[in-house]
Amino acid sequence: MFDQLRFDYLSCAGHPTLQTPNIDRLARKGVRFTNAYTQSPVCGAARMSAYTGRYVSSHGAQWNGVPLKVGEPTLGDHMRAHGTGCWLIGKTHMRADKAGMARLGLTPDSVIGARQAECGFDIWCRDDGLWAEGPGGPYDNARSPYNEYLKSRGYGGDNPWADFANAAADDDIIASGWFMKNADRPANIREEDSETPWLTTQTIDFIAQAEGPWCAHLSYIKPHWPYIVPAPYHDMYGPADVVPATRDPCELSDPHPLYQAFTDTIIGRSFRRDDVRDKVIPAYMGLIRQCDDQMGRLFDWLEESGRMEDTMIILTSDHGDYLGDHWLGEKDLFHAPSVKVPLIICDPRESADPTRGTTCDALVESIDVTATIIDAAGATIPDHIVEGRSLVPYLGGQTPDDARDFVISEYDYSKHPVGTTLEAPPRDARLFMVADHDWKLVHCAAGYRPMLFDLRNDPDELRDLGADPACATARAQMYEKLHAWGLRMSQRLTVSEDEIRAQRAGGNDTGVLLGLVDGSEVAPDLVARYRGKVPRRP
């Protein structure tokens, strides 16, 4: 999983100048899904869905920093129950439910407590990769293995992540990557010591010692901002490689209030500027090219060690990046650059041979990856818990019986500055997207009208038809799909449907007999306990 990697910034996905030969190499050996959607266009919520296989409103960790409630079943729980280890290498953005753990007497230094605090993973190396500092203190108070590594390599200061890995040097003055004017400069770090190679090394070290069946979540920190990359990647691309922004002045004419609020943020205003895009996007492309080179390093090692023959590889990201499209930066809303994600699955088994090198345009979701991993491991998907659906049938060239006819994504902006700007009550600062191949509808709580896009006739999503009387039927049809999703069973986690059916089949043989007049209505053995002489009283 890469962080903030757009679905269309790969050469196999059609980018005109960015070359990703190693990711393309994986796509030639597997299936590339062209309509994969994240469960939320923000890191924390998207990742908690990926780790639980559940929708955001099901697990409740709806934004960055919102803890995943103690006891929520995760991929690690499902895998370990069937004898497969589940390990983390990199980022999760997880915040532990410390109050819930304390209530249950779970301490982080116990095996169970540690797994509860780490999304169900056992930890090989966790580093969330955002070691910012400000007047209010650090963004993340956790330990940074990457900073420790940099110090061991001779980089000075308390926070070499900020001073070297994500900054350029300017006559011994820090030129921070937080300032996008520095994006075209090389990061002040040896390339081999930067974050992406470091995590690749951690991964190779993990696999080299792994025994038995295992699942590893390799979670890269890049190409997430700060937008700065070490040489030689800093000048591989330039303004001539920047794809023109997908945007139109009509989007800013009588805009939806929520959309306008996001375009008016400092991020939106910055990414309106072509000079910003001309600096940031080449750096973003350089970060992706470095990621791709590290994929080549990892794939080569897997092949040389023989591990490629029995390792399924799934490549995806948590969400995308607007990069100035639709007059926006960052993520947060539901246009394709933000809510669609790359998804490539390479299954080494013979059953997947018919689909190697193909694309699949089925509607799929990030939570389907969770179900796919469980299925591929030979376990039964607990579908009363995991809301994702296995993609294994697609890998064999089959359309599954439960193929999706729409996808869902959710966003809670209660903690975003836009929530403050609009004075939205936290309970109502929520958005729901439902999309199929033809339409995309965004339901806005707090009394706002919906947004609607005609994906067939307006694939770039430039015209919001949410208030167009001519589209009333389309809005009603999409609301029917959202309504059907909203009525799903999502909270009965402790008993499966198979268990309920077994209880039904078992009959009423526990002695609880309701509605009987004289007992003749049921089999004699069910009432035998209540017939006969009364035992002697004391």
Protein backbone atom coordinates (compact mmCIF):
# COMPACT_ATOMS: atom_id res chain seq x y z
CA MET A 1 0.00 0.00 0.00
CA PHE A 2 1.40 3.34 -1.09
CA ASP A 3 0.19 6.52 0.56
CA GLN A 4 -1.64 9.02 -1.67
CA LEU A 5 -0.75 7.30 -4.96
CA ARG A 6 -3.21 8.24 -7.69
CA PHE A 7 -4.76 5.46 -9.76
CA ASP A 8 -3.72 7.13 -13.04
CA TYR A 9 -0.09 7.98 -12.18
CA LEU A 10 1.28 4.70 -13.53
CA SER A 11 2.43 4.03 -17.06
CA CYS A 12 0.31 0.86 -17.18
CA ALA A 13 -2.69 3.09 -16.36
CA GLY A 14 -1.90 5.39 -19.27
CA HIS A 15 0.16 8.23 -17.81
CA PRO A 16 1.85 9.82 -20.85
CA THR A 17 5.31 10.54 -19.39
CA LEU A 18 5.71 8.86 -15.99
CA GLN A 19 7.33 5.46 -16.43
CA THR A 20 6.71 2.74 -13.82
CA PRO A 21 8.26 -0.35 -15.46
CA ASN A 22 8.29 -2.50 -12.34
CA ILE A 23 4.68 -1.90 -11.36
CA ASP A 24 3.86 -2.50 -15.03
CA ARG A 25 5.81 -5.75 -14.73
CA LEU A 26 3.54 -6.79 -11.88
CA ALA A 27 0.46 -5.85 -13.90
CA ARG A 28 1.66 -8.08 -16.76
CA LYS A 29 1.75 -11.01 -14.32
CA GLY A 30 -1.61 -10.27 -12.71
CA VAL A 31 -4.88 -8.38 -13.03
CA ARG A 32 -5.19 -4.59 -12.88
CA PHE A 33 -8.56 -3.41 -11.60
CA THR A 34 -9.56 -0.11 -13.21
CA ASN A 35 -12.55 0.75 -11.03
CA ALA A 36 -11.25 0.32 -7.48
CA TYR A 37 -12.55 2.76 -4.87
CA THR A 38 -11.29 3.60 -1.40
CA GLN A 39 -13.73 3.50 1.51
CA SER A 40 -12.77 7.05 2.47
CA PRO A 41 -10.56 9.68 0.81
CA VAL A 42 -8.49 10.31 3.95
CA CYS A 43 -5.65 8.23 5.41
CA GLY A 44 -6.93 7.07 8.79
CA ALA A 45 -10.47 6.08 7.86
CA ALA A 46 -9.38 4.41 4.61
CA ARG A 47 -6.76 2.35 6.38
CA MET A 48 -9.05 1.24 9.19
CA SER A 49 -11.45 -0.04 6.52
CA ALA A 50 -8.61 -1.86 4.78
CA TYR A 51 -7.51 -3.48 8.05
CA THR A 52 -11.01 -4.50 9.18
CA GLY A 53 -12.64 -5.18 5.81
CA ARG A 54 -15.52 -3.02 7.01
CA TYR A 55 -17.12 0.25 5.96
CA VAL A 56 -16.19 3.44 7.80
CA SER A 57 -19.60 3.78 9.44
CA SER A 58 -19.28 0.17 10.59
CA HIS A 59 -15.91 0.43 12.36
CA GLY A 60 -16.39 4.07 13.43
CA ALA A 61 -12.80 5.38 13.03
CA GLN A 62 -13.97 8.05 10.63
CA TRP A 63 -11.01 10.42 10.41
CA ASN A 64 -7.32 10.71 11.22
CA GLY A 65 -6.66 10.35 14.92
CA VAL A 66 -10.00 8.69 15.70
CA PRO A 67 -9.20 5.45 17.56
CA LEU A 68 -10.28 2.10 16.22
CA LYS A 69 -12.47 0.78 19.02
CA VAL A 70 -11.04 -2.01 21.11
CA GLY A 71 -12.24 -5.42 20.04
CA GLU A 72 -12.91 -4.53 16.40
CA PRO A 73 -11.93 -7.67 14.41
CA THR A 74 -9.07 -7.12 11.95
CA LEU A 75 -7.26 -8.92 9.17
CA GLY A 76 -4.65 -10.09 11.67
CA ASP A 77 -7.32 -11.75 13.80
CA HIS A 78 -8.81 -13.57 10.83
CA MET A 79 -5.43 -14.72 9.51
CA ARG A 80 -4.02 -15.92 12.84
CA ALA A 81 -7.19 -17.90 13.49
CA HIS A 82 -6.21 -20.02 10.48
CA GLY A 83 -2.50 -20.31 11.21
CA THR A 84 -1.12 -17.40 9.17
CA GLY A 85 0.96 -14.66 10.75
CA CYS A 86 0.06 -11.06 9.91
CA TRP A 87 2.83 -8.46 10.11
CA LEU A 88 3.21 -4.71 9.63
CA ILE A 89 6.11 -3.00 7.89
CA GLY A 90 5.53 0.75 7.67
CA LYS A 91 2.52 2.98 8.24
CA THR A 92 -0.99 2.40 9.62
CA HIS A 93 -2.13 5.82 10.95
CA MET A 94 -3.73 3.79 13.75
CA ARG A 95 -4.70 5.44 17.02
CA ALA A 96 -5.28 2.99 19.84
CA ASP A 97 -8.46 3.04 21.90
CA LYS A 98 -6.57 3.65 25.13
CA ALA A 99 -9.71 4.21 27.19
CA GLY A 100 -11.23 0.97 25.93
CA MET A 101 -8.03 -0.95 26.60
CA ALA A 102 -7.83 0.43 30.13
CA ARG A 103 -11.45 -0.49 30.75
CA LEU A 104 -10.66 -4.09 29.82
CA GLY A 105 -7.33 -4.21 31.64
CA LEU A 106 -5.28 -4.56 28.43
CA THR A 107 -1.75 -3.20 28.52
CA PRO A 108 0.21 -2.36 25.36
CA ASP A 109 3.12 -4.55 26.49
CA SER A 110 0.99 -7.71 26.44
CA VAL A 111 0.57 -9.69 23.23
CA ILE A 112 -3.18 -9.09 23.08
CA GLY A 113 -2.83 -5.45 24.10
CA ALA A 114 -0.12 -4.79 21.52
CA ARG A 115 -2.27 -6.24 18.76
CA GLN A 116 -5.25 -4.18 19.90
CA ALA A 117 -3.08 -1.07 19.77
CA GLU A 118 -1.69 -1.89 16.32
CA CYS A 119 -4.72 -2.71 14.13
CA GLY A 120 -4.31 -6.41 14.85
CA PHE A 121 -0.83 -6.62 13.34
CA ASP A 122 2.31 -8.00 14.86
CA ILE A 123 4.95 -5.33 14.35
CA TRP A 124 8.12 -5.86 12.38
CA CYS A 125 8.57 -2.12 11.95
CA ARG A 126 5.95 0.61 12.39
CA ASP A 127 6.67 4.15 11.27
CA ASP A 128 3.78 6.42 10.26
CA GLY A 129 6.19 8.77 8.53
CA LEU A 130 4.87 12.17 9.57
CA TRP A 131 7.21 13.62 12.17
CA ALA A 132 6.08 17.23 11.98
CA GLU A 133 6.57 19.62 14.88
CA GLY A 134 4.89 22.91 15.75
CA PRO A 135 4.11 25.29 18.63
CA GLY A 136 1.59 22.77 19.95
CA GLY A 137 4.17 19.99 19.97
CA PRO A 138 4.76 17.06 17.62
CA TYR A 139 2.08 15.68 15.32
CA ASP A 140 2.97 12.15 16.43
CA ASN A 141 4.35 11.30 19.86
CA ALA A 142 5.22 7.73 18.93
CA ARG A 143 8.70 6.36 18.48
CA SER A 144 10.17 6.78 14.98
CA PRO A 145 12.35 3.84 13.90
CA TYR A 146 13.19 5.80 10.76
CA ASN A 147 14.57 8.73 12.75
CA GLU A 148 16.59 6.26 14.81
CA TYR A 149 17.95 4.77 11.60
CA LEU A 150 18.93 8.19 10.26
CA LYS A 151 20.76 9.02 13.46
CA SER A 152 22.63 5.72 13.23
CA ARG A 153 23.69 6.77 9.73
CA GLY A 154 25.18 10.02 11.01
CA TYR A 155 22.37 12.50 10.36
CA GLY A 156 22.31 14.98 13.21
CA GLY A 157 19.62 16.80 15.16
CA ASP A 158 16.56 15.61 17.03
CA ASN A 159 14.42 15.13 13.94
CA PRO A 160 16.42 14.21 10.83
CA TRP A 161 13.16 13.27 9.10
CA ALA A 162 12.33 16.98 9.00
CA ASP A 163 15.86 18.34 8.58
CA PHE A 164 17.19 15.94 5.93
CA ALA A 165 14.72 13.43 4.47
CA ASN A 166 12.06 16.06 3.85
CA ALA A 167 14.11 19.19 3.32
CA ALA A 168 16.71 20.52 0.94
CA ALA A 169 19.92 22.27 2.01
CA ASP A 170 20.42 25.97 1.29
CA ASP A 171 23.79 27.19 2.59
CA ASP A 172 23.29 25.21 5.78
CA ILE A 173 19.76 26.61 6.17
CA ILE A 174 16.87 24.13 6.10
CA ALA A 175 14.74 24.48 2.98
CA SER A 176 11.71 22.57 4.22
CA GLY A 177 9.65 20.33 2.01
CA TRP A 178 6.58 21.83 3.67
CA PHE A 179 7.14 24.85 1.44
CA MET A 180 6.15 23.81 -2.06
CA LYS A 181 8.54 26.32 -3.59
CA ASN A 182 11.30 23.84 -2.61
CA ALA A 183 9.69 20.85 -4.35
CA ASP A 184 12.08 20.94 -7.32
CA ARG A 185 15.16 20.71 -5.10
CA PRO A 186 16.84 17.46 -4.04
CA ALA A 187 16.19 16.31 -0.50
CA ASN A 188 19.28 16.67 1.67
CA ILE A 189 19.77 12.93 2.11
CA ARG A 190 21.55 10.07 0.42
CA GLU A 191 18.98 8.34 -1.76
CA GLU A 192 19.67 4.95 -0.20
CA ASP A 193 18.85 6.41 3.23
CA SER A 194 15.48 7.90 2.24
CA GLU A 195 12.20 6.46 3.46
CA THR A 196 11.24 4.25 0.52
CA PRO A 197 14.52 2.29 0.24
CA TRP A 198 14.63 1.96 4.02
CA LEU A 199 11.20 0.29 4.10
CA THR A 200 12.13 -1.99 1.21
CA THR A 201 15.18 -3.16 3.17
CA GLN A 202 12.98 -3.78 6.21
CA THR A 203 10.70 -5.89 4.03
CA ILE A 204 13.47 -8.01 2.56
CA ASP A 205 14.84 -8.59 6.06
CA PHE A 206 11.40 -9.69 7.24
CA ILE A 207 10.74 -12.10 4.37
CA ALA A 208 14.23 -13.59 4.62
CA GLN A 209 13.56 -14.78 8.15
CA ALA A 210 9.85 -15.62 7.80
CA GLU A 211 8.81 -19.22 8.24
CA GLY A 212 5.47 -20.84 7.59
CA PRO A 213 2.54 -19.01 6.01
CA TRP A 214 2.63 -15.24 6.48
CA CYS A 215 0.94 -12.04 5.38
CA ALA A 216 2.95 -8.81 5.36
CA HIS A 217 1.42 -5.35 5.08
CA LEU A 218 4.18 -3.32 3.43
CA SER A 219 2.88 0.22 3.85
CA TYR A 220 5.02 2.84 2.13
CA ILE A 221 4.96 6.44 3.34
CA LYS A 222 5.40 7.97 -0.11
CA PRO A 223 4.42 9.57 -2.49
CA HIS A 224 2.53 11.39 0.29
CA TRP A 225 3.64 14.96 0.94
CA PRO A 226 5.92 16.73 1.82
CA TYR A 227 6.57 16.86 -1.92
CA ILE A 228 10.34 16.54 -2.02
CA VAL A 229 12.53 13.69 -3.25
CA PRO A 230 16.28 12.95 -3.21
CA ALA A 231 18.54 13.02 -6.24
CA PRO A 232 18.47 11.67 -8.90
CA TYR A 233 14.67 11.65 -8.76
CA HIS A 234 14.23 15.36 -8.09
CA ASP A 235 14.82 16.42 -11.71
CA MET A 236 13.74 13.34 -13.69
CA TYR A 237 10.58 15.22 -14.58
CA GLY A 238 9.79 18.85 -15.21
CA PRO A 239 6.93 21.20 -16.13
CA ALA A 240 6.75 19.68 -19.62
CA ASP A 241 5.72 16.38 -18.00
CA VAL A 242 2.85 17.93 -16.05
CA VAL A 243 -0.51 16.78 -17.39
CA PRO A 244 -2.93 19.72 -17.79
CA ALA A 245 -5.30 20.02 -14.87
CA THR A 246 -8.72 18.44 -15.21
CA ARG A 247 -10.84 21.45 -14.33
CA ASP A 248 -13.22 23.92 -15.86
CA PRO A 249 -14.36 27.43 -14.87
CA CYS A 250 -17.93 26.13 -14.87
CA GLU A 251 -17.11 24.21 -11.67
CA LEU A 252 -16.70 27.52 -9.84
CA SER A 253 -19.94 29.00 -11.19
CA ASP A 254 -22.67 28.67 -8.56
CA PRO A 255 -20.80 25.80 -6.84
CA HIS A 256 -22.10 23.49 -4.17
CA PRO A 257 -21.34 25.15 -0.79
CA LEU A 258 -19.24 22.21 0.41
CA TYR A 259 -17.23 22.01 -2.80
CA GLN A 260 -16.66 25.76 -2.70
CA ALA A 261 -15.46 25.56 0.90
CA PHE A 262 -12.81 23.00 -0.07
CA THR A 263 -11.67 25.00 -3.10
CA ASP A 264 -11.32 28.06 -0.84
CA THR A 265 -8.92 26.39 1.61
CA ILE A 266 -5.24 27.35 1.51
CA ILE A 267 -4.56 24.01 -0.20
CA GLY A 268 -7.14 24.62 -2.90
CA ARG A 269 -5.92 28.17 -3.52
CA SER A 270 -2.30 27.01 -3.77
CA PHE A 271 -3.07 24.26 -6.27
CA ARG A 272 -4.98 26.67 -8.51
CA ARG A 273 -1.58 28.14 -9.35
CA ASP A 274 0.18 26.65 -12.35
CA ASP A 275 3.58 27.54 -10.92
CA VAL A 276 2.78 25.40 -7.86
CA ARG A 277 1.66 22.48 -9.99
CA ASP A 278 4.80 22.82 -12.14
CA LYS A 279 6.96 22.33 -9.05
CA VAL A 280 4.91 19.85 -7.06
CA ILE A 281 3.84 17.38 -9.73
CA PRO A 282 7.37 16.64 -11.05
CA ALA A 283 8.41 15.94 -7.44
CA TYR A 284 5.35 13.73 -6.95
CA MET A 285 6.29 11.88 -10.13
CA GLY A 286 9.86 11.52 -8.87
CA LEU A 287 8.60 10.02 -5.62
CA ILE A 288 6.54 7.51 -7.60
CA ARG A 289 9.49 6.63 -9.82
CA GLN A 290 11.57 5.98 -6.70
CA CYS A 291 8.76 3.77 -5.37
CA ASP A 292 8.72 1.89 -8.65
CA ASP A 293 12.49 1.34 -8.57
CA GLN A 294 12.14 -0.09 -5.08
CA MET A 295 9.42 -2.40 -6.34
CA GLY A 296 11.96 -3.61 -8.90
CA ARG A 297 14.48 -4.21 -6.14
CA LEU A 298 11.93 -6.16 -4.10
CA PHE A 299 10.62 -8.17 -7.06
CA ASP A 300 14.16 -9.08 -8.14
CA TRP A 301 14.94 -10.33 -4.64
CA LEU A 302 11.71 -12.35 -4.52
CA GLU A 303 12.59 -13.98 -7.83
CA GLU A 304 16.22 -14.69 -6.88
CA SER A 305 15.15 -16.20 -3.57
CA GLY A 306 12.37 -18.28 -5.14
CA ARG A 307 9.72 -16.51 -3.09
CA MET A 308 7.91 -15.05 -6.09
CA GLU A 309 6.62 -18.53 -6.90
CA ASP A 310 4.47 -18.79 -3.77
CA THR A 311 3.73 -15.18 -2.83
CA MET A 312 0.58 -13.32 -3.80
CA ILE A 313 1.30 -9.61 -4.28
CA ILE A 314 -1.44 -7.00 -4.00
CA LEU A 315 -0.51 -3.40 -4.85
CA THR A 316 -2.80 -0.50 -4.00
CA SER A 317 -2.98 2.83 -2.16
CA ASP A 318 -5.17 4.33 0.54
CA HIS A 319 -6.48 7.21 -1.63
CA GLY A 320 -5.36 9.60 -4.35
CA ASP A 321 -4.29 13.24 -4.67
CA TYR A 322 -6.07 16.03 -6.58
CA LEU A 323 -2.86 17.88 -7.57
CA GLY A 324 -4.93 20.82 -8.81
CA ASP A 325 -7.64 18.87 -10.62
CA HIS A 326 -11.10 20.32 -9.97
CA TRP A 327 -9.40 23.37 -8.38
CA LEU A 328 -8.43 21.22 -5.40
CA GLY A 329 -5.35 19.81 -3.70
CA GLU A 330 -4.94 16.91 -1.30
CA LYS A 331 -7.88 14.45 -1.18
CA ASP A 332 -11.12 14.70 0.91
CA LEU A 333 -13.81 14.73 -1.80
CA PHE A 334 -15.03 12.12 -4.28
CA HIS A 335 -13.77 13.01 -7.73
CA ALA A 336 -11.83 10.18 -9.36
CA PRO A 337 -8.31 11.57 -8.63
CA SER A 338 -9.11 11.38 -4.93
CA VAL A 339 -11.42 8.38 -4.44
CA LYS A 340 -10.16 5.88 -7.02
CA VAL A 341 -7.08 3.83 -6.20
CA PRO A 342 -4.69 1.62 -8.14
CA LEU A 343 -5.23 -2.09 -7.53
CA ILE A 344 -3.11 -4.85 -9.04
CA ILE A 345 -3.26 -8.46 -7.86
CA CYS A 346 -0.64 -10.99 -8.90
CA ASP A 347 -1.64 -14.50 -7.86
CA PRO A 348 1.13 -17.09 -8.49
CA ARG A 349 -1.27 -20.03 -8.56
CA GLU A 350 -2.03 -21.85 -11.79
CA SER A 351 -5.71 -20.98 -11.43
CA ALA A 352 -4.85 -17.35 -12.21
CA ASP A 353 -2.99 -18.11 -15.46
CA PRO A 354 -5.94 -17.24 -17.76
CA THR A 355 -6.06 -13.60 -16.62
CA ARG A 356 -2.39 -12.64 -16.49
CA GLY A 357 -1.76 -9.24 -18.03
CA THR A 358 -5.44 -8.31 -18.21
CA THR A 359 -7.54 -5.48 -16.82
CA CYS A 360 -10.88 -5.76 -15.05
CA ASP A 361 -13.42 -2.93 -15.03
CA ALA A 362 -15.63 -4.44 -12.31
CA LEU A 363 -16.67 -2.14 -9.48
CA VAL A 364 -14.55 -3.10 -6.47
CA GLU A 365 -13.70 -1.58 -3.10
CA SER A 366 -10.66 -1.48 -0.86
CA ILE A 367 -12.38 -3.72 1.69
CA ASP A 368 -12.50 -6.40 -1.01
CA VAL A 369 -8.73 -6.72 -0.66
CA THR A 370 -9.21 -7.85 2.94
CA ALA A 371 -11.68 -10.53 1.89
CA THR A 372 -9.40 -11.58 -0.97
CA ILE A 373 -6.45 -12.13 1.37
CA ILE A 374 -8.55 -14.28 3.72
CA ASP A 375 -9.89 -16.29 0.79
CA ALA A 376 -6.47 -16.75 -0.80
CA ALA A 377 -5.13 -18.06 2.51
CA GLY A 378 -7.67 -20.87 2.34
CA ALA A 379 -9.85 -19.57 5.15
CA THR A 380 -13.59 -18.97 5.12
CA ILE A 381 -14.50 -15.29 4.93
CA PRO A 382 -16.57 -14.43 8.01
CA ASP A 383 -19.11 -12.43 6.03
CA HIS A 384 -21.05 -11.40 9.12
CA ILE A 385 -17.93 -9.38 10.04
CA VAL A 386 -15.99 -8.70 6.83
CA GLU A 387 -18.09 -6.59 4.46
CA GLY A 388 -15.62 -6.92 1.58
CA ARG A 389 -16.03 -9.53 -1.15
CA SER A 390 -13.30 -11.79 -2.47
CA LEU A 391 -11.78 -10.87 -5.82
CA VAL A 392 -10.30 -14.36 -6.30
CA PRO A 393 -13.00 -15.33 -8.83
CA TYR A 394 -11.97 -12.45 -11.08
CA LEU A 395 -8.39 -13.73 -10.98
CA GLY A 396 -9.61 -17.00 -12.44
CA GLY A 397 -11.61 -15.27 -15.15
CA GLN A 398 -14.97 -15.72 -13.44
CA THR A 399 -17.58 -13.15 -12.41
CA PRO A 400 -18.54 -13.79 -8.78
CA ASP A 401 -22.17 -14.30 -7.84
CA ASP A 402 -21.96 -11.35 -5.45
CA ALA A 403 -20.39 -8.90 -7.93
CA ARG A 404 -21.04 -5.31 -6.94
CA ASP A 405 -23.39 -3.10 -8.92
CA PHE A 406 -22.36 -0.01 -6.96
CA VAL A 407 -19.58 1.15 -4.66
CA ILE A 408 -19.60 3.24 -1.49
CA SER A 409 -17.19 5.75 0.01
CA GLU A 410 -17.68 7.92 3.09
CA TYR A 411 -16.11 11.08 4.46
CA ASP A 412 -16.42 12.75 7.85
CA TYR A 413 -15.21 16.35 7.70
CA SER A 414 -16.10 17.23 11.30
CA LYS A 415 -12.41 17.66 12.21
CA HIS A 416 -11.45 19.31 8.92
CA PRO A 417 -11.16 23.13 8.80
CA VAL A 418 -14.09 23.11 6.37
CA GLY A 419 -16.28 21.85 9.20
CA THR A 420 -15.35 24.93 11.19
CA THR A 421 -15.84 27.25 8.20
CA LEU A 422 -19.35 25.94 7.56
CA GLU A 423 -20.17 25.72 11.28
CA ALA A 424 -21.31 22.16 10.66
CA PRO A 425 -22.38 20.24 13.77
CA PRO A 426 -19.88 17.37 14.15
CA ARG A 427 -22.71 14.85 14.03
CA ASP A 428 -23.84 16.15 10.63
CA ALA A 429 -20.47 16.79 8.94
CA ARG A 430 -20.70 13.64 6.85
CA LEU A 431 -20.68 12.76 3.16
CA PHE A 432 -21.65 9.51 1.44
CA MET A 433 -20.74 8.62 -2.14
CA VAL A 434 -22.53 5.95 -4.15
CA ALA A 435 -21.31 5.26 -7.68
CA ASP A 436 -21.88 2.79 -10.48
CA HIS A 437 -20.62 2.76 -14.06
CA ASP A 438 -23.06 5.49 -15.09
CA TRP A 439 -23.58 7.89 -12.18
CA LYS A 440 -21.93 9.14 -9.03
CA LEU A 441 -24.05 10.70 -6.28
CA VAL A 442 -22.76 12.37 -3.13
CA HIS A 443 -25.23 12.66 -0.28
CA CYS A 444 -24.46 15.58 2.02
CA ALA A 445 -25.87 15.61 5.54
CA ALA A 446 -26.66 18.87 7.37
CA GLY A 447 -29.33 19.85 4.86
CA TYR A 448 -27.18 20.38 1.78
CA ARG A 449 -28.38 19.25 -1.64
CA PRO A 450 -26.65 16.23 -3.20
CA MET A 451 -23.97 16.35 -5.86
CA LEU A 452 -24.43 14.24 -9.00
CA PHE A 453 -22.12 13.41 -11.93
CA ASP A 454 -22.95 11.71 -15.22
CA LEU A 455 -19.96 9.39 -15.63
CA ARG A 456 -20.91 8.26 -19.13
CA ASN A 457 -21.28 11.70 -20.71
CA ASP A 458 -19.03 13.65 -18.34
CA PRO A 459 -16.27 11.21 -17.33
CA ASP A 460 -14.09 14.05 -15.99
CA GLU A 461 -16.86 15.02 -13.51
CA LEU A 462 -16.88 18.70 -14.43
CA ARG A 463 -20.62 19.37 -14.20
CA ASP A 464 -22.48 18.89 -10.94
CA LEU A 465 -26.06 17.90 -11.80
CA GLY A 466 -27.23 17.64 -8.22
CA ALA A 467 -29.78 20.43 -8.66
CA ASP A 468 -30.72 19.73 -12.29
CA PRO A 469 -34.47 18.94 -12.56
CA ALA A 470 -33.76 16.81 -15.63
CA CYS A 471 -31.74 14.39 -13.51
CA ALA A 472 -34.35 13.74 -10.83
CA THR A 473 -34.78 10.12 -11.94
CA ALA A 474 -31.04 9.43 -11.81
CA ARG A 475 -30.82 10.96 -8.33
CA ALA A 476 -33.73 8.83 -7.14
CA GLN A 477 -32.15 5.66 -8.54
CA MET A 478 -28.82 6.36 -6.86
CA TYR A 479 -30.56 7.16 -3.58
CA GLU A 480 -32.28 3.76 -3.80
CA LYS A 481 -28.84 2.14 -3.95
CA LEU A 482 -27.57 4.22 -1.04
CA HIS A 483 -30.70 3.31 0.91
CA ALA A 484 -30.19 -0.40 0.24
CA TRP A 485 -26.60 -0.14 1.46
CA GLY A 486 -27.73 1.77 4.56
CA LEU A 487 -30.03 -1.10 5.52
CA ARG A 488 -27.22 -3.68 5.49
CA MET A 489 -26.58 -5.86 8.51
CA SER A 490 -23.30 -4.54 9.87
CA GLN A 491 -23.19 -4.87 13.65
CA ARG A 492 -24.12 -8.49 14.44
CA LEU A 493 -20.50 -9.60 14.67
CA THR A 494 -20.63 -12.32 17.31
CA VAL A 495 -22.81 -14.87 15.53
CA SER A 496 -22.70 -15.88 11.87
CA GLU A 497 -25.66 -16.69 9.63
CA ASP A 498 -24.50 -20.31 9.50
CA GLU A 499 -24.66 -20.47 13.28
CA ILE A 500 -28.16 -19.02 13.22
CA ARG A 501 -29.26 -21.59 10.63
CA ALA A 502 -27.75 -24.37 12.74
CA GLN A 503 -29.70 -23.16 15.75
CA ARG A 504 -32.88 -23.14 13.68
CA ALA A 505 -32.26 -26.69 12.52
CA GLY A 506 -31.54 -27.83 16.05
CA GLY A 507 -35.16 -27.37 17.04
CA ASN A 508 -36.67 -26.57 20.41
CA ASP A 509 -34.95 -29.18 22.57
CA THR A 510 -33.84 -27.10 25.55
CA GLY A 511 -37.04 -27.41 27.55
CA VAL A 512 -38.32 -23.90 26.83
CA LEU A 513 -41.83 -24.58 25.50
CA LEU A 514 -43.99 -21.64 24.55
CA GLY A 515 -47.58 -21.64 23.34
CA LEU A 516 -48.44 -25.22 24.30
CA VAL A 517 -51.88 -26.09 25.66
CA ASP A 518 -51.33 -29.68 26.81
CA GLY A 519 -48.02 -30.78 25.24
CA SER A 520 -49.55 -32.82 22.46
CA GLU A 521 -48.50 -30.21 19.94
CA VAL A 522 -44.85 -31.35 19.97
CA ALA A 523 -42.90 -34.61 19.96
CA PRO A 524 -43.21 -36.61 23.22
CA ASP A 525 -39.49 -36.47 23.97
CA LEU A 526 -39.61 -32.66 24.13
CA VAL A 527 -42.10 -32.75 27.04
CA ALA A 528 -40.96 -35.93 28.77
CA ARG A 529 -39.15 -33.95 31.47
CA TYR A 530 -42.42 -32.36 32.52
CA ARG A 531 -44.55 -35.51 32.78
CA GLY A 532 -44.69 -38.16 35.46
CA LYS A 533 -44.91 -38.12 39.25
CA VAL A 534 -43.71 -35.24 41.36
CA PRO A 535 -40.57 -36.06 43.38
CA ARG A 536 -41.05 -36.38 47.11
CA ARG A 537 -41.13 -33.11 48.99
CA PRO A 538 -38.73 -32.65 51.88
